[in-house]
Amino acid sequence: MKDATVSARVEYDVKKEAEDILRSLGIPVSVVINALYRQIIERNGIPFSLTLPKAPRTLDTMSDEEVDNRLRQV
């Protein structure tokens, strides 16, 4: 039975963009929040990694071959 309310303050633009995506998928926000909470319970923690990304490599630290490979990927 759904009888609890969750309230959180988020940035307006983040909320709007996320809700627009969910609306286009036909998924109510409450379903996503409920799924997240269930995953937290199932995994006994946050269901995704919360780590800082590696610092991006700069061109001056890459070999010529690495730069060429990166440019080919673009």
C-alpha atoms as a PDB file:
ATOM      1  CA  MET A   1       0.000   0.000   0.000  1.00  0.00           C
ATOM      2  CA  LYS A   2       1.418   3.372  -0.996  1.00  0.00           C
ATOM      3  CA  ASP A   3       0.937   5.625   1.995  1.00  0.00           C
ATOM      4  CA  ALA A   4       4.205   7.566   2.385  1.00  0.00           C
ATOM      5  CA  THR A   5       5.358  10.775   0.743  1.00  0.00           C
ATOM      6  CA  VAL A   6       8.922  11.604  -0.291  1.00  0.00           C
ATOM      7  CA  SER A   7       9.927  15.244  -0.544  1.00  0.00           C
ATOM      8  CA  ALA A   8      13.267  16.466  -1.894  1.00  0.00           C
ATOM      9  CA  ARG A   9      14.600  19.750  -3.219  1.00  0.00           C
ATOM     10  CA  VAL A  10      16.318  19.455  -6.584  1.00  0.00           C
ATOM     11  CA  GLU A  11      17.490  21.880  -9.238  1.00  0.00           C
ATOM     12  CA  TYR A  12      14.594  22.993 -11.439  1.00  0.00           C
ATOM     13  CA  ASP A  13      16.360  22.221 -14.727  1.00  0.00           C
ATOM     14  CA  VAL A  14      17.375  18.733 -13.573  1.00  0.00           C
ATOM     15  CA  LYS A  15      13.818  17.976 -12.427  1.00  0.00           C
ATOM     16  CA  LYS A  16      12.270  19.245 -15.644  1.00  0.00           C
ATOM     17  CA  GLU A  17      14.666  17.362 -17.924  1.00  0.00           C
ATOM     18  CA  ALA A  18      14.294  14.103 -15.986  1.00  0.00           C
ATOM     19  CA  GLU A  19      10.500  14.392 -15.879  1.00  0.00           C
ATOM     20  CA  ASP A  20      10.362  15.148 -19.609  1.00  0.00           C
ATOM     21  CA  ILE A  21      12.342  11.978 -20.312  1.00  0.00           C
ATOM     22  CA  LEU A  22      10.177   9.892 -17.994  1.00  0.00           C
ATOM     23  CA  ARG A  23       7.009  11.348 -19.547  1.00  0.00           C
ATOM     24  CA  SER A  24       8.249  10.396 -23.025  1.00  0.00           C
ATOM     25  CA  LEU A  25       8.875   6.868 -21.716  1.00  0.00           C
ATOM     26  CA  GLY A  26       5.439   6.764 -20.105  1.00  0.00           C
ATOM     27  CA  ILE A  27       6.866   6.155 -16.629  1.00  0.00           C
ATOM     28  CA  PRO A  28       5.573   8.109 -13.617  1.00  0.00           C
ATOM     29  CA  VAL A  29       8.192   9.664 -11.340  1.00  0.00           C
ATOM     30  CA  SER A  30       6.762   7.758  -8.380  1.00  0.00           C
ATOM     31  CA  VAL A  31       7.460   4.436 -10.127  1.00  0.00           C
ATOM     32  CA  VAL A  32      11.123   5.398 -10.621  1.00  0.00           C
ATOM     33  CA  ILE A  33      11.518   6.533  -7.015  1.00  0.00           C
ATOM     34  CA  ASN A  34       9.873   3.351  -5.733  1.00  0.00           C
ATOM     35  CA  ALA A  35      12.164   1.239  -7.971  1.00  0.00           C
ATOM     36  CA  LEU A  36      15.222   3.109  -6.683  1.00  0.00           C
ATOM     37  CA  TYR A  37      14.192   2.535  -3.063  1.00  0.00           C
ATOM     38  CA  ARG A  38      13.617  -1.166  -3.761  1.00  0.00           C
ATOM     39  CA  GLN A  39      17.083  -1.460  -5.327  1.00  0.00           C
ATOM     40  CA  ILE A  40      18.639   0.261  -2.298  1.00  0.00           C
ATOM     41  CA  ILE A  41      16.954  -2.348  -0.087  1.00  0.00           C
ATOM     42  CA  GLU A  42      17.905  -5.257  -2.384  1.00  0.00           C
ATOM     43  CA  ARG A  43      21.565  -4.235  -2.625  1.00  0.00           C
ATOM     44  CA  ASN A  44      21.791  -2.866   0.897  1.00  0.00           C
ATOM     45  CA  GLY A  45      23.282   0.305  -0.567  1.00  0.00           C
ATOM     46  CA  ILE A  46      23.196   2.666  -3.525  1.00  0.00           C
ATOM     47  CA  PRO A  47      22.582   0.671  -6.739  1.00  0.00           C
ATOM     48  CA  PHE A  48      25.167   2.523  -8.799  1.00  0.00           C
ATOM     49  CA  SER A  49      28.747   3.635  -8.410  1.00  0.00           C
ATOM     50  CA  LEU A  50      29.423   6.922  -6.654  1.00  0.00           C
ATOM     51  CA  THR A  51      33.023   7.539  -7.616  1.00  0.00           C
ATOM     52  CA  LEU A  52      34.851  10.482  -9.032  1.00  0.00           C
ATOM     53  CA  PRO A  53      35.777  10.076 -12.690  1.00  0.00           C
ATOM     54  CA  LYS A  54      39.432   9.941 -13.606  1.00  0.00           C
ATOM     55  CA  ALA A  55      40.903  13.268 -14.586  1.00  0.00           C
ATOM     56  CA  PRO A  56      40.833  13.614 -18.363  1.00  0.00           C
ATOM     57  CA  ARG A  57      44.144  13.095 -20.131  1.00  0.00           C
ATOM     58  CA  THR A  58      45.542  16.193 -21.745  1.00  0.00           C
ATOM     59  CA  LEU A  59      47.190  16.240 -25.148  1.00  0.00           C
ATOM     60  CA  ASP A  60      50.578  17.052 -23.662  1.00  0.00           C
ATOM     61  CA  THR A  61      50.525  13.809 -21.613  1.00  0.00           C
ATOM     62  CA  MET A  62      49.514  11.568 -24.563  1.00  0.00           C
ATOM     63  CA  SER A  63      51.791   9.959 -27.097  1.00  0.00           C
ATOM     64  CA  ASP A  64      51.304  10.855 -30.764  1.00  0.00           C
ATOM     65  CA  GLU A  65      49.722   7.429 -31.292  1.00  0.00           C
ATOM     66  CA  GLU A  66      47.193   8.020 -28.475  1.00  0.00           C
ATOM     67  CA  VAL A  67      46.268  11.413 -29.943  1.00  0.00           C
ATOM     68  CA  ASP A  68      45.812   9.875 -33.399  1.00  0.00           C
ATOM     69  CA  ASN A  69      43.607   7.092 -31.964  1.00  0.00           C
ATOM     70  CA  ARG A  70      41.450   9.625 -30.101  1.00  0.00           C
ATOM     71  CA  LEU A  71      41.035  11.746 -33.224  1.00  0.00           C
ATOM     72  CA  ARG A  72      39.956   8.699 -35.242  1.00  0.00           C
ATOM     73  CA  GLN A  73      37.205   7.998 -32.700  1.00  0.00           C
ATOM     74  CA  VAL A  74      35.588  11.391 -33.281  1.00  0.00           C
END
